[in-house]
């Protein structure tokens, strides 16, 4: 592996600023890595020419004029609108959509000097846990050994996680609605951070479920995640759900240790049928934190058992409303005519433009919002959501952070759960509760399964306490000492 690809984001920033390596050399190195790993089908669009052009401009600058992310190559999930690129959400219905505006998150990163090197494949409209519903085909996890049985990178941010796993970008952008940053990060051996809901603007991100969607980084290290989030987040007048609360300095105390910190482990996260290796991983996490001076406490989050069904009422309901705009009238795909009437055009366009999983969720969402069922399902689910948030509020009176597994297994074979959507949805069992409560959470690679595939541990903290979350994650990362990388020579 080229030595430059081994560097963390923070190390690469220092190297570019020192002028020991040019931005052009960095960008070329990452482009070569992406070109050599095309078999994993991670990319929806390449942005190489513009990236090299920007790198040349950076190299003519003086170091004192460098911005915080000057020359850093990043990969962007194909759900963020970026001017000059397609933004398709991996759907046929948006296959030729070029956004006329830039998402706030990518604008912030570009203003800090980052260079978008590529956009990445994902589950269609971010609806999935396996990155197997992409318009350009399935994304393959770089940890795959046998290509006759390719592994999922997780979803929906599978392309973004796979790119970081092969060192194809210094960090990547994902979105997390119910675990779509954390679960793929776990499957690919990366760090995946979901900030507090409202910390990052949703403006310019194609909506799935508006009360849940949140942007976040997938990175090589916890320190990199902290650095990336620092320049992603902002209050935004264009997003009424973004919150005008000052971000703490995420790097200031990240290495100061966790002595005296209280860590809760919910008994409800030890589920029936959980494998021995996941239970062992959780025990390792408890021990590592305890050995560094933290107090580990058993806690209860009693409404955890209803979080998944609650999520799969609220998220599809919001999706059915958000995706109503894709009707073939003003933008996006339109079916071939002639049509009997306008309704016929809507039906054919949406029937052809949306994939199976999206249509499944839209039907569920439309049903739970329909007359006669709205109160019984959607309103009831919102009441349950409040109870889940109250569980967390109560827990955080006694603890600072919460520890759990990220996913109930390692990466599974692509297609293995496609015909059983309920089994597929269970991948989000540990990540959905914190999403419903709007809490920040992070996945840290913490071990290997018996199949020699990555396993992740999750930490959750109270709203707008990303500094405490990242400090604990850094301590956990140091103790776990996960240095494994996928074998790309197969």
Protein backbone atom coordinates (compact mmCIF):
# COMPACT_ATOMS: atom_id res chain seq x y z
CA UNK A 1 0.00 0.00 0.00
CA UNK A 2 1.21 3.50 -0.80
CA UNK A 3 2.37 5.07 2.45
CA UNK A 4 0.14 8.11 1.90
CA UNK A 5 -2.96 5.89 2.05
CA UNK A 6 -2.02 4.71 5.53
CA UNK A 7 -2.20 8.21 6.95
CA UNK A 8 -5.14 9.46 8.95
CA UNK A 9 -7.03 12.60 7.96
CA UNK A 10 -5.29 14.60 10.69
CA UNK A 11 -1.86 13.36 9.55
CA UNK A 12 -2.66 14.15 5.91
CA UNK A 13 -3.76 17.69 6.79
CA UNK A 14 -0.40 18.30 8.50
CA UNK A 15 1.55 16.78 5.61
CA UNK A 16 -0.15 18.98 2.99
CA UNK A 17 0.28 22.09 5.11
CA UNK A 18 3.99 21.35 5.53
CA UNK A 19 4.33 21.22 1.71
CA UNK A 20 6.29 17.97 2.06
CA UNK A 21 3.74 16.42 -0.29
CA UNK A 22 1.69 18.28 -2.87
CA UNK A 23 -2.11 18.22 -2.90
CA UNK A 24 -1.88 16.90 -6.45
CA UNK A 25 0.18 13.91 -5.31
CA UNK A 26 -2.37 13.17 -2.58
CA UNK A 27 -5.30 13.36 -5.00
CA UNK A 28 -3.52 11.22 -7.63
CA UNK A 29 -2.72 8.58 -5.02
CA UNK A 30 -6.35 8.30 -3.95
CA UNK A 31 -7.60 8.29 -7.56
CA UNK A 32 -5.25 5.39 -8.34
CA UNK A 33 -6.57 3.47 -5.35
CA UNK A 34 -10.17 3.98 -6.51
CA UNK A 35 -9.30 2.91 -10.05
CA UNK A 36 -7.63 -0.26 -8.74
CA UNK A 37 -10.68 -1.24 -6.68
CA UNK A 38 -13.54 -0.71 -9.13
CA UNK A 39 -14.68 -4.33 -8.69
CA UNK A 40 -16.35 -3.34 -5.40
CA UNK A 41 -18.79 -1.05 -7.28
CA UNK A 42 -18.53 1.73 -4.72
CA UNK A 43 -18.80 4.79 -6.97
CA UNK A 44 -21.80 6.41 -8.60
CA UNK A 45 -19.74 9.17 -10.19
CA UNK A 46 -16.06 10.07 -10.52
CA UNK A 47 -14.94 13.66 -10.07
CA UNK A 48 -11.27 13.17 -10.90
CA UNK A 49 -10.68 15.98 -13.41
CA UNK A 50 -12.14 18.69 -11.19
CA UNK A 51 -10.31 17.23 -8.16
CA UNK A 52 -6.94 17.45 -9.94
CA UNK A 53 -7.69 20.97 -11.13
CA UNK A 54 -8.46 22.08 -7.57
CA UNK A 55 -5.32 20.35 -6.29
CA UNK A 56 -3.17 22.31 -8.75
CA UNK A 57 -4.67 25.57 -7.49
CA UNK A 58 -3.96 24.56 -3.89
CA UNK A 59 -0.32 23.80 -4.68
CA UNK A 60 0.16 27.39 -5.87
CA UNK A 61 -0.96 28.73 -2.48
CA UNK A 62 1.20 29.69 0.46
CA UNK A 63 0.82 27.41 3.56
CA UNK A 64 -0.35 30.37 5.66
CA UNK A 65 -3.36 30.69 3.30
CA UNK A 66 -4.40 27.05 3.70
CA UNK A 67 -7.84 26.27 5.06
CA UNK A 68 -8.43 23.48 7.65
CA UNK A 69 -9.18 20.74 5.07
CA UNK A 70 -7.09 22.11 2.22
CA UNK A 71 -6.51 19.44 -0.44
CA UNK A 72 -8.24 16.62 1.47
CA UNK A 73 -10.01 14.11 -0.83
CA UNK A 74 -13.47 13.13 0.38
CA UNK A 75 -16.17 10.79 -0.93
CA UNK A 76 -19.81 11.91 -0.83
CA UNK A 77 -22.88 9.69 -0.62
CA UNK A 78 -25.06 10.19 -3.69
CA UNK A 79 -27.85 11.73 -1.62
CA UNK A 80 -26.07 15.08 -1.10
CA UNK A 81 -26.74 17.64 -3.82
CA UNK A 82 -23.46 18.80 -5.32
CA UNK A 83 -23.41 21.34 -8.13
CA UNK A 84 -21.82 19.94 -11.28
CA UNK A 85 -22.55 16.30 -10.39
CA UNK A 86 -25.55 14.07 -10.70
CA UNK A 87 -27.48 13.47 -7.49
CA UNK A 88 -29.53 10.34 -8.02
CA UNK A 89 -30.08 8.77 -4.56
CA UNK A 90 -29.29 5.57 -6.52
CA UNK A 91 -32.76 5.65 -8.07
CA UNK A 92 -33.98 5.39 -11.66
CA UNK A 93 -36.45 8.17 -10.97
CA UNK A 94 -33.54 10.63 -10.45
CA UNK A 95 -31.07 9.00 -12.82
CA UNK A 96 -30.36 12.23 -14.77
CA UNK A 97 -30.94 14.82 -12.06
CA UNK A 98 -28.33 17.58 -11.74
CA UNK A 99 -29.00 19.67 -8.64
CA UNK A 100 -28.96 23.45 -9.20
CA UNK A 101 -27.75 24.05 -5.63
CA UNK A 102 -25.21 22.67 -3.14
CA UNK A 103 -26.04 20.92 0.12
CA UNK A 104 -25.00 22.92 3.17
CA UNK A 105 -22.78 20.12 4.51
CA UNK A 106 -20.78 19.74 1.28
CA UNK A 107 -20.64 23.52 0.91
CA UNK A 108 -19.15 23.79 4.41
CA UNK A 109 -16.54 21.14 3.62
CA UNK A 110 -15.63 22.69 0.28
CA UNK A 111 -15.30 26.09 1.97
CA UNK A 112 -12.87 24.42 4.41
CA UNK A 113 -10.78 23.24 1.45
CA UNK A 114 -11.97 19.63 0.99
CA UNK A 115 -12.08 18.17 -2.52
CA UNK A 116 -14.93 15.88 -3.58
CA UNK A 117 -13.14 13.07 -5.39
CA UNK A 118 -16.23 10.92 -6.05
CA UNK A 119 -19.85 10.25 -5.18
CA UNK A 120 -20.77 6.86 -3.78
CA UNK A 121 -23.42 4.20 -4.36
CA UNK A 122 -26.09 3.61 -1.74
CA UNK A 123 -29.41 1.91 -1.15
CA UNK A 124 -32.11 3.60 -3.21
CA UNK A 125 -33.32 6.72 -1.36
CA UNK A 126 -31.31 5.44 1.65
CA UNK A 127 -33.88 2.69 2.25
CA UNK A 128 -31.93 -0.44 3.08
CA UNK A 129 -29.33 -2.16 5.22
CA UNK A 130 -27.24 -3.93 2.58
CA UNK A 131 -26.53 -1.52 -0.33
CA UNK A 132 -28.20 -4.03 -2.62
CA UNK A 133 -30.89 -1.74 -4.08
CA UNK A 134 -28.57 0.65 -5.97
CA UNK A 135 -29.47 1.53 -9.56
CA UNK A 136 -25.87 0.65 -10.53
CA UNK A 137 -25.92 -2.73 -8.80
CA UNK A 138 -24.83 -4.07 -5.44
CA UNK A 139 -21.88 -2.62 -3.56
CA UNK A 140 -19.42 -5.30 -2.43
CA UNK A 141 -17.70 -5.16 0.94
CA UNK A 142 -13.89 -5.01 0.47
CA UNK A 143 -13.60 -7.61 3.24
CA UNK A 144 -15.05 -10.18 0.81
CA UNK A 145 -12.76 -13.19 0.33
CA UNK A 146 -14.90 -15.29 -2.01
CA UNK A 147 -16.49 -13.30 -4.85
CA UNK A 148 -18.95 -16.11 -5.49
CA UNK A 149 -20.37 -15.12 -2.09
CA UNK A 150 -19.84 -11.36 -1.90
CA UNK A 151 -20.44 -9.69 1.46
CA UNK A 152 -22.62 -6.65 2.01
CA UNK A 153 -20.90 -3.43 3.16
CA UNK A 154 -24.07 -2.60 5.07
CA UNK A 155 -26.46 0.17 4.19
CA UNK A 156 -27.60 2.55 3.23
CA UNK A 157 -24.21 4.32 3.20
CA UNK A 158 -22.45 1.17 1.96
CA UNK A 159 -20.48 2.85 -0.84
CA UNK A 160 -19.17 5.52 1.54
CA UNK A 161 -18.09 2.89 4.08
CA UNK A 162 -16.45 0.69 1.43
CA UNK A 163 -14.46 3.65 0.05
CA UNK A 164 -12.97 4.38 3.48
CA UNK A 165 -12.24 0.67 4.04
CA UNK A 166 -10.06 0.56 0.91
CA UNK A 167 -8.51 3.98 1.71
CA UNK A 168 -10.13 5.61 -1.30
CA UNK A 169 -10.75 8.89 0.56
CA UNK A 170 -9.56 10.52 3.77
CA UNK A 171 -13.16 10.34 4.98
CA UNK A 172 -16.58 10.02 3.45
CA UNK A 173 -20.03 11.47 4.00
CA UNK A 174 -23.01 9.31 4.86
CA UNK A 175 -26.49 9.87 6.18
CA UNK A 176 -28.00 8.05 9.13
CA UNK A 177 -31.76 7.65 9.48
CA UNK A 178 -31.89 4.49 11.57
CA UNK A 179 -28.27 3.33 11.52
CA UNK A 180 -27.12 3.92 7.94
CA UNK A 181 -23.73 5.33 8.98
CA UNK A 182 -23.03 3.15 12.00
CA UNK A 183 -24.02 -0.28 10.64
CA UNK A 184 -21.93 -0.04 7.42
CA UNK A 185 -19.03 1.38 9.44
CA UNK A 186 -19.25 -1.71 11.66
CA UNK A 187 -19.37 -4.09 8.67
CA UNK A 188 -16.41 -2.40 6.96
CA UNK A 189 -14.14 -1.82 9.97
CA UNK A 190 -14.49 1.97 10.07
CA UNK A 191 -15.51 4.66 12.54
CA UNK A 192 -19.03 5.93 11.82
CA UNK A 193 -20.45 8.99 13.61
CA UNK A 194 -24.09 10.11 13.69
CA UNK A 195 -24.27 13.57 15.29
CA UNK A 196 -27.18 14.90 17.32
CA UNK A 197 -30.24 15.48 15.14
CA UNK A 198 -30.04 19.13 14.09
CA UNK A 199 -26.26 19.43 14.47
CA UNK A 200 -25.76 19.25 10.68
CA UNK A 201 -28.08 20.91 8.19
CA UNK A 202 -30.32 18.68 6.06
CA UNK A 203 -30.56 21.32 3.33
CA UNK A 204 -29.60 19.79 0.01
CA UNK A 205 -29.85 16.20 1.26
CA UNK A 206 -32.54 14.23 -0.57
CA UNK A 207 -35.08 13.47 2.14
CA UNK A 208 -36.04 10.00 3.32
CA UNK A 209 -37.54 10.60 6.80
CA UNK A 210 -37.19 14.26 7.74
CA UNK A 211 -37.40 13.88 11.52
CA UNK A 212 -34.63 11.25 11.51
CA UNK A 213 -32.17 11.97 8.66
CA UNK A 214 -28.78 13.29 9.78
CA UNK A 215 -25.46 13.66 7.98
CA UNK A 216 -22.22 12.35 9.48
CA UNK A 217 -18.68 11.23 8.64
CA UNK A 218 -17.27 7.74 8.10
CA UNK A 219 -13.55 7.79 8.87
CA UNK A 220 -10.45 5.78 9.68
CA UNK A 221 -10.15 7.02 13.28
CA UNK A 222 -12.19 8.69 16.00
CA UNK A 223 -9.94 11.76 15.87
CA UNK A 224 -10.63 12.01 12.13
CA UNK A 225 -14.39 11.85 12.78
CA UNK A 226 -14.08 14.69 15.28
CA UNK A 227 -12.06 16.78 12.83
CA UNK A 228 -14.50 16.15 9.97
CA UNK A 229 -17.61 16.93 12.03
CA UNK A 230 -16.07 20.21 13.19
CA UNK A 231 -16.21 21.52 9.62
CA UNK A 232 -19.43 19.80 8.53
CA UNK A 233 -21.73 21.17 11.19
CA UNK A 234 -23.44 24.55 11.18
CA UNK A 235 -26.68 26.26 11.91
CA UNK A 236 -28.56 26.88 8.67
CA UNK A 237 -31.44 29.26 8.02
CA UNK A 238 -32.47 26.99 5.14
CA UNK A 239 -33.19 24.11 7.53
CA UNK A 240 -35.70 24.78 10.30
CA UNK A 241 -34.54 21.64 12.15
CA UNK A 242 -30.89 22.74 12.39
CA UNK A 243 -30.04 23.95 15.87
CA UNK A 244 -28.11 27.11 16.70
CA UNK A 245 -26.04 25.63 19.52
CA UNK A 246 -22.31 26.22 19.52
CA UNK A 247 -20.22 23.13 18.81
CA UNK A 248 -17.75 22.35 21.61
CA UNK A 249 -14.10 21.98 20.61
CA UNK A 250 -14.19 18.29 19.73
CA UNK A 251 -10.42 17.85 19.66
CA UNK A 252 -9.52 19.82 22.79
CA UNK A 253 -10.11 17.08 25.39
CA UNK A 254 -10.44 14.02 23.17
CA UNK A 255 -7.28 12.40 24.58
CA UNK A 256 -7.67 13.39 28.24
CA UNK A 257 -9.03 10.01 29.36
CA UNK A 258 -12.30 8.85 30.86
CA UNK A 259 -11.51 8.41 34.54
CA UNK A 260 -14.68 8.90 36.57
CA UNK A 261 -16.96 8.71 33.53
CA UNK A 262 -20.14 6.68 34.01
CA UNK A 263 -21.00 4.19 31.25
CA UNK A 264 -24.39 2.48 31.08
CA UNK A 265 -25.01 -0.92 29.47
CA UNK A 266 -28.72 -1.50 28.77
CA UNK A 267 -29.96 -4.98 29.59
CA UNK A 268 -32.44 -4.73 26.70
CA UNK A 269 -29.53 -4.61 24.21
CA UNK A 270 -28.61 -8.18 25.13
CA UNK A 271 -31.22 -9.75 22.88
CA UNK A 272 -32.42 -13.32 22.49
CA UNK A 273 -30.33 -15.28 20.02
CA UNK A 274 -27.41 -12.81 20.14
CA UNK A 275 -24.27 -14.70 19.19
CA UNK A 276 -21.56 -15.52 21.70
CA UNK A 277 -19.04 -13.41 19.79
CA UNK A 278 -21.22 -10.29 20.01
CA UNK A 279 -21.74 -10.87 23.74
CA UNK A 280 -17.99 -11.36 24.14
CA UNK A 281 -17.34 -8.14 22.24
CA UNK A 282 -19.68 -6.26 24.56
CA UNK A 283 -17.91 -7.73 27.61
CA UNK A 284 -14.57 -6.65 26.14
CA UNK A 285 -15.95 -3.13 25.76
CA UNK A 286 -17.04 -3.06 29.39
CA UNK A 287 -13.61 -4.26 30.53
CA UNK A 288 -11.68 -1.80 28.35
CA UNK A 289 -13.65 1.18 29.66
CA UNK A 290 -13.48 -0.02 33.26
CA UNK A 291 -9.70 -0.51 32.99
CA UNK A 292 -9.36 3.15 31.98
CA UNK A 293 -11.19 4.39 35.07
CA UNK A 294 -14.78 4.52 33.90
CA UNK A 295 -17.59 3.23 36.09
CA UNK A 296 -19.71 0.72 34.17
CA UNK A 297 -23.35 0.48 35.29
CA UNK A 298 -26.16 -1.82 34.18
CA UNK A 299 -29.18 0.23 33.12
CA UNK A 300 -32.61 -0.31 31.62
CA UNK A 301 -34.20 1.23 28.52
CA UNK A 302 -37.58 -0.51 28.79
CA UNK A 303 -39.11 0.66 25.51
CA UNK A 304 -36.20 -0.65 23.40
CA UNK A 305 -38.27 -3.68 22.36
CA UNK A 306 -40.79 -1.47 20.55
CA UNK A 307 -38.25 0.84 18.89
CA UNK A 308 -37.96 -1.15 15.67
CA UNK A 309 -41.72 -1.39 14.93
CA UNK A 310 -42.07 2.26 15.93
CA UNK A 311 -39.33 3.24 13.46
CA UNK A 312 -40.86 1.20 10.65
CA UNK A 313 -44.11 3.13 11.02
CA UNK A 314 -42.66 6.65 11.33
CA UNK A 315 -39.91 6.40 8.70
CA UNK A 316 -42.10 4.97 5.89
CA UNK A 317 -44.85 7.48 6.73
CA UNK A 318 -42.44 10.39 6.32
CA UNK A 319 -40.97 8.78 3.20
CA UNK A 320 -44.39 8.49 1.59
CA UNK A 321 -44.86 12.24 2.04
CA UNK A 322 -41.32 13.19 0.95
CA UNK A 323 -41.31 11.01 -2.15
CA UNK A 324 -44.70 12.23 -3.37
CA UNK A 325 -42.81 14.94 -5.29
CA UNK A 326 -41.36 12.36 -7.69
CA UNK A 327 -44.29 12.19 -10.09
CA UNK A 328 -42.71 12.80 -13.50
CA UNK A 329 -44.07 16.34 -13.84
CA UNK A 330 -41.35 18.87 -13.06
CA UNK A 331 -38.11 16.86 -12.82
CA UNK A 332 -36.77 13.34 -12.81
CA UNK A 333 -37.82 10.27 -14.78
CA UNK A 334 -41.11 10.14 -16.69
CA UNK A 335 -42.53 6.91 -18.13
CA UNK A 336 -43.15 6.59 -21.86
CA UNK A 337 -46.61 7.74 -22.98
CA UNK A 338 -49.26 7.88 -24.21
CA UNK A 339 -51.25 8.12 -20.98
CA UNK A 340 -54.97 7.84 -20.46
CA UNK A 341 -54.88 10.71 -17.97
CA UNK A 342 -52.64 12.42 -15.42
CA UNK A 343 -53.18 9.70 -12.84
CA UNK A 344 -52.05 7.09 -15.37
CA UNK A 345 -48.84 9.07 -15.92
CA UNK A 346 -48.22 9.21 -12.16
CA UNK A 347 -48.80 5.49 -11.71
CA UNK A 348 -46.58 4.39 -14.60
CA UNK A 349 -43.80 6.83 -13.73
CA UNK A 350 -43.65 5.88 -10.06
CA UNK A 351 -44.14 2.19 -10.82
CA UNK A 352 -41.19 2.16 -13.20
CA UNK A 353 -39.04 4.74 -11.41
CA UNK A 354 -39.00 3.28 -7.89
CA UNK A 355 -37.43 -0.04 -6.88
CA UNK A 356 -39.07 -2.84 -4.92
CA UNK A 357 -37.89 -1.80 -1.45
CA UNK A 358 -38.86 1.85 -1.94
CA UNK A 359 -42.32 0.83 -3.17
CA UNK A 360 -42.72 -1.48 -0.17
CA UNK A 361 -41.98 1.35 2.26
CA UNK A 362 -44.14 3.86 0.41
CA UNK A 363 -47.09 1.47 0.58
CA UNK A 364 -46.55 0.95 4.32
CA UNK A 365 -46.24 4.70 4.86
CA UNK A 366 -49.31 5.54 2.82
CA UNK A 367 -51.30 2.89 4.70
CA UNK A 368 -50.38 4.14 8.19
CA UNK A 369 -51.24 7.73 7.19
CA UNK A 370 -54.55 6.82 5.59
CA UNK A 371 -57.93 7.77 7.00
CA UNK A 372 -58.92 5.40 9.77
CA UNK A 373 -55.37 4.24 10.47
CA UNK A 374 -53.55 7.52 11.15
CA UNK A 375 -54.46 7.59 14.85
CA UNK A 376 -54.06 3.85 15.33
CA UNK A 377 -50.58 3.67 13.81
CA UNK A 378 -48.78 6.94 13.14
CA UNK A 379 -49.97 8.94 16.16
CA UNK A 380 -49.50 5.91 18.40
CA UNK A 381 -45.95 5.43 17.07
CA UNK A 382 -45.14 9.06 17.86
CA UNK A 383 -46.30 8.52 21.45
CA UNK A 384 -44.05 5.46 21.68
CA UNK A 385 -41.18 7.54 20.27
CA UNK A 386 -41.65 9.98 23.13
CA UNK A 387 -41.44 7.11 25.62
CA UNK A 388 -38.18 5.91 24.01
CA UNK A 389 -36.72 9.43 24.32
CA UNK A 390 -37.83 9.58 27.95
CA UNK A 391 -36.02 6.29 28.63
CA UNK A 392 -32.79 7.88 27.41
CA UNK A 393 -33.42 11.10 29.33
CA UNK A 394 -33.85 9.09 32.50
CA UNK A 395 -30.72 7.02 31.83
CA UNK A 396 -28.58 10.11 31.25
CA UNK A 397 -29.37 11.34 34.76
CA UNK A 398 -27.19 8.46 35.98
CA UNK A 399 -24.67 7.87 33.17
CA UNK A 400 -22.65 9.93 30.70
CA UNK A 401 -22.60 7.49 27.78
CA UNK A 402 -24.23 4.20 26.82
CA UNK A 403 -22.38 1.18 25.41
CA UNK A 404 -23.86 -1.48 23.12
CA UNK A 405 -22.99 -3.57 20.06
CA UNK A 406 -23.47 -1.73 16.76
CA UNK A 407 -25.00 -4.63 14.83
CA UNK A 408 -26.18 -8.12 15.77
CA UNK A 409 -23.69 -9.80 13.40
CA UNK A 410 -20.77 -9.29 11.09
CA UNK A 411 -21.30 -8.62 7.36
CA UNK A 412 -23.61 -11.16 5.74
CA UNK A 413 -23.67 -12.43 2.15
CA UNK A 414 -25.39 -10.12 -0.34
CA UNK A 415 -28.86 -11.35 -1.20
CA UNK A 416 -29.02 -13.57 1.87
CA UNK A 417 -31.83 -11.57 3.48
CA UNK A 418 -33.38 -9.93 0.42
CA UNK A 419 -36.50 -12.09 0.42
CA UNK A 420 -37.04 -11.63 4.15
CA UNK A 421 -37.42 -7.88 4.79
CA UNK A 422 -38.23 -8.37 8.49
CA UNK A 423 -34.93 -10.20 9.03
CA UNK A 424 -33.16 -7.43 7.11
CA UNK A 425 -34.77 -4.73 9.26
CA UNK A 426 -33.42 -6.46 12.40
CA UNK A 427 -29.93 -5.26 11.40
CA UNK A 428 -30.95 -1.89 12.85
CA UNK A 429 -32.08 -3.22 16.23
CA UNK A 430 -29.24 -1.50 18.17
CA UNK A 431 -29.04 1.70 16.12
CA UNK A 432 -32.71 2.70 15.71
CA UNK A 433 -33.48 3.70 19.35
CA UNK A 434 -30.89 6.50 19.45
CA UNK A 435 -32.10 7.74 16.04
CA UNK A 436 -35.67 7.97 17.27
CA UNK A 437 -34.43 9.98 20.27
CA UNK A 438 -32.23 12.25 18.11
CA UNK A 439 -29.06 11.36 20.04
CA UNK A 440 -25.44 11.35 18.87
CA UNK A 441 -23.92 7.88 18.47
CA UNK A 442 -20.74 6.37 17.09
CA UNK A 443 -19.54 2.95 15.96
CA UNK A 444 -15.93 1.95 16.65
CA UNK A 445 -14.27 -1.13 15.11
CA UNK A 446 -13.48 -3.33 18.11
CA UNK A 447 -12.71 -6.86 16.97
CA UNK A 448 -13.00 -9.61 14.40
CA UNK A 449 -15.68 -12.29 14.16
CA UNK A 450 -14.93 -16.01 13.80
CA UNK A 451 -15.12 -15.30 10.04
CA UNK A 452 -12.33 -12.70 10.41
CA UNK A 453 -14.70 -9.85 9.61
CA UNK A 454 -15.05 -6.55 11.53
CA UNK A 455 -17.35 -6.12 14.50
CA UNK A 456 -18.26 -2.75 15.98
CA UNK A 457 -19.16 -1.34 19.37
CA UNK A 458 -21.56 1.58 19.66
CA UNK A 459 -21.51 4.49 22.09
CA UNK A 460 -24.47 6.84 22.60
CA UNK A 461 -24.46 10.11 24.54
CA UNK A 462 -26.93 12.85 25.40
CA UNK A 463 -27.92 15.53 22.90
CA UNK A 464 -25.18 17.96 21.86
CA UNK A 465 -22.50 16.19 23.92
CA UNK A 466 -20.42 15.00 20.97
CA UNK A 467 -17.29 16.03 22.90
CA UNK A 468 -18.02 13.48 25.65
CA UNK A 469 -19.02 10.87 23.06
CA UNK A 470 -15.81 11.29 21.08
CA UNK A 471 -13.60 11.35 24.16
CA UNK A 472 -15.08 8.00 25.24
CA UNK A 473 -14.85 6.63 21.70
CA UNK A 474 -11.17 7.60 21.53
CA UNK A 475 -10.49 5.72 24.76
CA UNK A 476 -12.37 2.68 23.45
CA UNK A 477 -10.52 2.84 20.14
CA UNK A 478 -7.16 2.97 21.92
CA UNK A 479 -8.04 -0.07 24.04
CA UNK A 480 -9.44 -2.11 21.14
CA UNK A 481 -6.35 -1.39 18.98
CA UNK A 482 -8.15 -2.44 15.79
CA UNK A 483 -5.54 -2.25 13.03
CA UNK A 484 -6.93 -4.86 10.62
CA UNK A 485 -7.53 -3.89 7.01
CA UNK A 486 -9.15 -5.85 4.17
CA UNK A 487 -6.91 -7.87 1.87
CA UNK A 488 -7.24 -6.16 -1.50
CA UNK A 489 -4.83 -8.49 -3.31
CA UNK A 490 -7.39 -11.28 -3.76
